[in-house]
Amino acid sequence: MPGTDPHFVRAPRPAWVEAEYQRIGKERARACREADRAHRWAFIRTLAEIAGWSLAGLILAALAFHTTDPEIGMIYLDAAMCVTWGGVMTSLALAYRRGQERGDWQ
């Protein structure tokens, strides 16, 4: 092992090798930042979609509690649950599909 043998002396690397290592390191760091930015944007987009569907469901639920007819109120309440659950599940499924297209999951 290079670090344990006292007689082993590592020769200095040529300047062009060091420059190439620096270039590769910068390139990988830039690619990592771009991937992190893409993941963050996908997370925020999915979060906004879920919040939008939840808000739409809350509005329908508010209409359900605002109306005076119990039958119409139940229709609004059922519609609110369908919109909320359907929208959230659709948002999550689309986020998963976009992640597969991006290569997040193999």
N, C-alpha and C. Protein backbone atom coordinates (compact mmCIF):
# COMPACT_ATOMS: atom_id res chain seq x y z
N MET A 1 0.84 -1.18 0.00
CA MET A 1 0.00 0.00 0.00
C MET A 1 0.88 1.24 0.00
N PRO A 2 0.53 2.23 -0.78
CA PRO A 2 1.38 3.40 -0.90
C PRO A 2 1.55 4.17 0.40
N GLY A 3 0.56 4.20 1.26
CA GLY A 3 0.66 5.00 2.47
C GLY A 3 1.40 4.33 3.61
N THR A 4 1.61 3.01 3.55
CA THR A 4 2.21 2.30 4.68
C THR A 4 3.69 1.99 4.49
N ASP A 5 4.16 1.92 3.27
CA ASP A 5 5.56 1.58 3.01
C ASP A 5 6.41 2.85 3.09
N PRO A 6 7.37 2.94 4.02
CA PRO A 6 8.17 4.16 4.14
C PRO A 6 9.14 4.34 2.97
N HIS A 7 9.41 3.28 2.21
CA HIS A 7 10.35 3.37 1.09
C HIS A 7 9.66 3.73 -0.22
N PHE A 8 8.33 3.74 -0.19
CA PHE A 8 7.59 4.07 -1.40
C PHE A 8 7.44 5.59 -1.51
N VAL A 9 7.86 6.11 -2.62
CA VAL A 9 7.74 7.55 -2.86
C VAL A 9 6.93 7.72 -4.14
N ARG A 10 5.84 8.45 -4.04
CA ARG A 10 5.00 8.69 -5.21
C ARG A 10 5.61 9.80 -6.06
N ALA A 11 5.72 9.51 -7.32
CA ALA A 11 6.25 10.52 -8.25
C ALA A 11 5.17 11.57 -8.48
N PRO A 12 5.55 12.80 -8.60
CA PRO A 12 4.53 13.84 -8.87
C PRO A 12 3.89 13.62 -10.23
N ARG A 13 2.62 13.93 -10.31
CA ARG A 13 1.90 13.79 -11.57
C ARG A 13 2.29 14.91 -12.52
N PRO A 14 2.27 14.62 -13.81
CA PRO A 14 2.54 15.69 -14.78
C PRO A 14 1.43 16.75 -14.73
N ALA A 15 1.76 17.93 -15.15
CA ALA A 15 0.81 19.05 -15.09
C ALA A 15 -0.42 18.78 -15.95
N TRP A 16 -0.25 18.14 -17.08
CA TRP A 16 -1.40 17.89 -17.95
C TRP A 16 -2.37 16.89 -17.32
N VAL A 17 -1.85 15.95 -16.53
CA VAL A 17 -2.72 15.00 -15.84
C VAL A 17 -3.51 15.72 -14.75
N GLU A 18 -2.84 16.58 -13.99
CA GLU A 18 -3.54 17.36 -12.96
C GLU A 18 -4.60 18.25 -13.58
N ALA A 19 -4.29 18.87 -14.72
CA ALA A 19 -5.26 19.73 -15.39
C ALA A 19 -6.46 18.92 -15.86
N GLU A 20 -6.21 17.71 -16.37
CA GLU A 20 -7.30 16.86 -16.82
C GLU A 20 -8.18 16.42 -15.64
N TYR A 21 -7.55 16.08 -14.51
CA TYR A 21 -8.33 15.74 -13.32
C TYR A 21 -9.17 16.92 -12.85
N GLN A 22 -8.63 18.10 -12.89
CA GLN A 22 -9.39 19.29 -12.50
C GLN A 22 -10.57 19.51 -13.45
N ARG A 23 -10.36 19.33 -14.74
CA ARG A 23 -11.43 19.51 -15.72
C ARG A 23 -12.55 18.49 -15.49
N ILE A 24 -12.16 17.24 -15.26
CA ILE A 24 -13.15 16.19 -15.02
C ILE A 24 -13.93 16.49 -13.73
N GLY A 25 -13.24 16.93 -12.69
CA GLY A 25 -13.90 17.26 -11.43
C GLY A 25 -14.90 18.39 -11.59
N LYS A 26 -14.52 19.43 -12.32
CA LYS A 26 -15.44 20.56 -12.55
C LYS A 26 -16.64 20.12 -13.39
N GLU A 27 -16.38 19.28 -14.38
CA GLU A 27 -17.47 18.80 -15.24
C GLU A 27 -18.48 17.96 -14.44
N ARG A 28 -17.98 17.11 -13.58
CA ARG A 28 -18.88 16.28 -12.76
C ARG A 28 -19.62 17.12 -11.73
N ALA A 29 -18.97 18.11 -11.17
CA ALA A 29 -19.64 18.98 -10.20
C ALA A 29 -20.77 19.76 -10.88
N ARG A 30 -20.53 20.23 -12.11
CA ARG A 30 -21.56 20.96 -12.85
C ARG A 30 -22.73 20.04 -13.19
N ALA A 31 -22.43 18.80 -13.60
CA ALA A 31 -23.50 17.84 -13.91
C ALA A 31 -24.30 17.51 -12.66
N CYS A 32 -23.64 17.41 -11.52
CA CYS A 32 -24.33 17.13 -10.27
C CYS A 32 -25.26 18.28 -9.89
N ARG A 33 -24.80 19.51 -10.05
CA ARG A 33 -25.64 20.67 -9.76
C ARG A 33 -26.86 20.71 -10.68
N GLU A 34 -26.67 20.40 -11.96
CA GLU A 34 -27.79 20.39 -12.90
C GLU A 34 -28.80 19.30 -12.55
N ALA A 35 -28.31 18.13 -12.16
CA ALA A 35 -29.22 17.04 -11.76
C ALA A 35 -29.97 17.41 -10.49
N ASP A 36 -29.28 18.02 -9.53
CA ASP A 36 -29.95 18.44 -8.30
C ASP A 36 -31.02 19.49 -8.60
N ARG A 37 -30.72 20.39 -9.50
CA ARG A 37 -31.69 21.43 -9.87
C ARG A 37 -32.91 20.80 -10.53
N ALA A 38 -32.69 19.81 -11.40
CA ALA A 38 -33.81 19.14 -12.06
C ALA A 38 -34.68 18.38 -11.05
N HIS A 39 -34.05 17.72 -10.09
CA HIS A 39 -34.80 16.99 -9.06
C HIS A 39 -35.59 17.96 -8.19
N ARG A 40 -34.96 19.07 -7.83
CA ARG A 40 -35.65 20.05 -7.00
C ARG A 40 -36.86 20.63 -7.73
N TRP A 41 -36.69 20.96 -9.02
CA TRP A 41 -37.77 21.51 -9.80
C TRP A 41 -38.91 20.50 -9.93
N ALA A 42 -38.58 19.22 -10.13
CA ALA A 42 -39.61 18.19 -10.24
C ALA A 42 -40.38 18.06 -8.93
N PHE A 43 -39.67 18.14 -7.82
CA PHE A 43 -40.32 18.05 -6.51
C PHE A 43 -41.26 19.24 -6.30
N ILE A 44 -40.81 20.43 -6.62
CA ILE A 44 -41.63 21.63 -6.44
C ILE A 44 -42.84 21.59 -7.36
N ARG A 45 -42.64 21.12 -8.59
CA ARG A 45 -43.75 21.02 -9.54
C ARG A 45 -44.81 20.05 -9.03
N THR A 46 -44.37 18.89 -8.56
CA THR A 46 -45.31 17.90 -8.04
C THR A 46 -46.02 18.44 -6.80
N LEU A 47 -45.30 19.11 -5.94
CA LEU A 47 -45.90 19.71 -4.74
C LEU A 47 -46.96 20.73 -5.12
N ALA A 48 -46.69 21.55 -6.13
CA ALA A 48 -47.67 22.55 -6.58
C ALA A 48 -48.90 21.88 -7.19
N GLU A 49 -48.69 20.81 -7.96
CA GLU A 49 -49.84 20.10 -8.53
C GLU A 49 -50.72 19.51 -7.43
N ILE A 50 -50.09 18.90 -6.44
CA ILE A 50 -50.86 18.32 -5.33
C ILE A 50 -51.60 19.41 -4.56
N ALA A 51 -50.95 20.54 -4.33
CA ALA A 51 -51.61 21.64 -3.63
C ALA A 51 -52.79 22.17 -4.44
N GLY A 52 -52.64 22.24 -5.74
CA GLY A 52 -53.75 22.71 -6.59
C GLY A 52 -54.95 21.78 -6.55
N TRP A 53 -54.70 20.47 -6.66
CA TRP A 53 -55.80 19.52 -6.58
C TRP A 53 -56.45 19.53 -5.20
N SER A 54 -55.64 19.66 -4.17
CA SER A 54 -56.19 19.71 -2.82
C SER A 54 -57.04 20.96 -2.62
N LEU A 55 -56.59 22.07 -3.17
CA LEU A 55 -57.37 23.31 -3.07
C LEU A 55 -58.69 23.18 -3.82
N ALA A 56 -58.66 22.56 -5.00
CA ALA A 56 -59.91 22.34 -5.75
C ALA A 56 -60.86 21.46 -4.95
N GLY A 57 -60.32 20.43 -4.30
CA GLY A 57 -61.17 19.57 -3.47
C GLY A 57 -61.72 20.30 -2.27
N LEU A 58 -60.91 21.17 -1.67
CA LEU A 58 -61.39 21.95 -0.52
C LEU A 58 -62.50 22.91 -0.92
N ILE A 59 -62.39 23.48 -2.10
CA ILE A 59 -63.45 24.39 -2.57
C ILE A 59 -64.76 23.63 -2.76
N LEU A 60 -64.67 22.43 -3.36
CA LEU A 60 -65.88 21.63 -3.52
C LEU A 60 -66.44 21.19 -2.16
N ALA A 61 -65.56 20.87 -1.22
CA ALA A 61 -66.02 20.49 0.12
C ALA A 61 -66.68 21.68 0.81
N ALA A 62 -66.14 22.86 0.60
CA ALA A 62 -66.75 24.06 1.19
C ALA A 62 -68.15 24.28 0.61
N LEU A 63 -68.29 24.01 -0.70
CA LEU A 63 -69.63 24.12 -1.29
C LEU A 63 -70.57 23.08 -0.68
N ALA A 64 -70.04 21.91 -0.38
CA ALA A 64 -70.87 20.86 0.23
C ALA A 64 -71.40 21.30 1.59
N PHE A 65 -70.58 21.94 2.38
CA PHE A 65 -71.03 22.37 3.70
C PHE A 65 -71.81 23.69 3.66
N HIS A 66 -71.70 24.40 2.54
CA HIS A 66 -72.39 25.68 2.43
C HIS A 66 -73.84 25.50 1.98
N THR A 67 -74.11 24.46 1.22
CA THR A 67 -75.46 24.28 0.68
C THR A 67 -76.42 23.80 1.78
N THR A 68 -77.70 24.06 1.55
CA THR A 68 -78.71 23.68 2.55
C THR A 68 -79.37 22.34 2.21
N ASP A 69 -79.24 21.87 0.98
CA ASP A 69 -79.86 20.60 0.58
C ASP A 69 -78.88 19.45 0.87
N PRO A 70 -79.26 18.48 1.70
CA PRO A 70 -78.33 17.40 2.06
C PRO A 70 -77.90 16.55 0.86
N GLU A 71 -78.79 16.32 -0.09
CA GLU A 71 -78.43 15.50 -1.24
C GLU A 71 -77.39 16.20 -2.12
N ILE A 72 -77.58 17.46 -2.38
CA ILE A 72 -76.60 18.22 -3.17
C ILE A 72 -75.29 18.35 -2.40
N GLY A 73 -75.41 18.51 -1.09
CA GLY A 73 -74.21 18.57 -0.26
C GLY A 73 -73.38 17.29 -0.35
N MET A 74 -74.06 16.14 -0.35
CA MET A 74 -73.33 14.88 -0.48
C MET A 74 -72.71 14.73 -1.87
N ILE A 75 -73.41 15.23 -2.88
CA ILE A 75 -72.84 15.19 -4.24
C ILE A 75 -71.57 16.02 -4.28
N TYR A 76 -71.61 17.23 -3.72
CA TYR A 76 -70.41 18.07 -3.67
C TYR A 76 -69.29 17.41 -2.87
N LEU A 77 -69.64 16.80 -1.75
CA LEU A 77 -68.63 16.17 -0.91
C LEU A 77 -67.99 14.97 -1.61
N ASP A 78 -68.80 14.16 -2.27
CA ASP A 78 -68.24 13.03 -3.02
C ASP A 78 -67.38 13.53 -4.19
N ALA A 79 -67.84 14.57 -4.85
CA ALA A 79 -67.05 15.15 -5.94
C ALA A 79 -65.73 15.70 -5.40
N ALA A 80 -65.77 16.31 -4.22
CA ALA A 80 -64.54 16.84 -3.63
C ALA A 80 -63.55 15.73 -3.34
N MET A 81 -64.04 14.62 -2.82
CA MET A 81 -63.13 13.50 -2.54
C MET A 81 -62.56 12.92 -3.83
N CYS A 82 -63.40 12.80 -4.85
CA CYS A 82 -62.92 12.28 -6.14
C CYS A 82 -61.88 13.20 -6.76
N VAL A 83 -62.14 14.49 -6.74
CA VAL A 83 -61.20 15.45 -7.31
C VAL A 83 -59.88 15.44 -6.54
N THR A 84 -59.96 15.44 -5.23
CA THR A 84 -58.74 15.47 -4.42
C THR A 84 -57.93 14.20 -4.60
N TRP A 85 -58.55 13.06 -4.37
CA TRP A 85 -57.79 11.79 -4.47
C TRP A 85 -57.34 11.53 -5.91
N GLY A 86 -58.22 11.77 -6.86
CA GLY A 86 -57.85 11.55 -8.26
C GLY A 86 -56.72 12.47 -8.70
N GLY A 87 -56.81 13.73 -8.31
CA GLY A 87 -55.77 14.68 -8.69
C GLY A 87 -54.42 14.37 -8.05
N VAL A 88 -54.43 14.02 -6.77
CA VAL A 88 -53.18 13.70 -6.07
C VAL A 88 -52.55 12.45 -6.67
N MET A 89 -53.35 11.42 -6.90
CA MET A 89 -52.81 10.18 -7.48
C MET A 89 -52.29 10.40 -8.90
N THR A 90 -53.01 11.20 -9.67
CA THR A 90 -52.55 11.51 -11.02
C THR A 90 -51.24 12.28 -10.98
N SER A 91 -51.14 13.24 -10.08
CA SER A 91 -49.90 14.03 -9.95
C SER A 91 -48.72 13.13 -9.58
N LEU A 92 -48.95 12.22 -8.64
CA LEU A 92 -47.87 11.31 -8.23
C LEU A 92 -47.49 10.35 -9.35
N ALA A 93 -48.47 9.84 -10.08
CA ALA A 93 -48.16 8.93 -11.19
C ALA A 93 -47.40 9.66 -12.29
N LEU A 94 -47.80 10.89 -12.60
CA LEU A 94 -47.09 11.66 -13.62
C LEU A 94 -45.68 12.02 -13.17
N ALA A 95 -45.52 12.30 -11.89
CA ALA A 95 -44.18 12.60 -11.37
C ALA A 95 -43.28 11.37 -11.48
N TYR A 96 -43.82 10.21 -11.20
CA TYR A 96 -43.05 8.98 -11.33
C TYR A 96 -42.66 8.74 -12.79
N ARG A 97 -43.61 8.95 -13.70
CA ARG A 97 -43.31 8.76 -15.12
C ARG A 97 -42.25 9.75 -15.61
N ARG A 98 -42.37 11.00 -15.18
CA ARG A 98 -41.35 11.98 -15.58
C ARG A 98 -39.99 11.60 -15.01
N GLY A 99 -39.97 11.06 -13.80
CA GLY A 99 -38.71 10.60 -13.21
C GLY A 99 -38.11 9.44 -13.97
N GLN A 100 -38.95 8.55 -14.47
CA GLN A 100 -38.43 7.44 -15.28
C GLN A 100 -37.85 7.96 -16.59
N GLU A 101 -38.52 8.92 -17.21
CA GLU A 101 -38.02 9.49 -18.46
C GLU A 101 -36.68 10.23 -18.23
N ARG A 102 -36.54 10.85 -17.06
CA ARG A 102 -35.31 11.54 -16.73
C ARG A 102 -34.19 10.57 -16.39
N GLY A 103 -34.56 9.35 -15.98
CA GLY A 103 -33.56 8.36 -15.61
C GLY A 103 -33.32 8.27 -14.11
N ASP A 104 -34.28 8.75 -13.31
CA ASP A 104 -34.13 8.68 -11.87
C ASP A 104 -34.22 7.24 -11.37
N TRP A 105 -35.09 6.44 -12.02
CA TRP A 105 -35.26 5.04 -11.63
C TRP A 105 -35.00 4.19 -12.86
N GLN A 106 -34.20 3.18 -12.68
CA GLN A 106 -33.86 2.31 -13.81
C GLN A 106 -34.76 1.12 -13.88
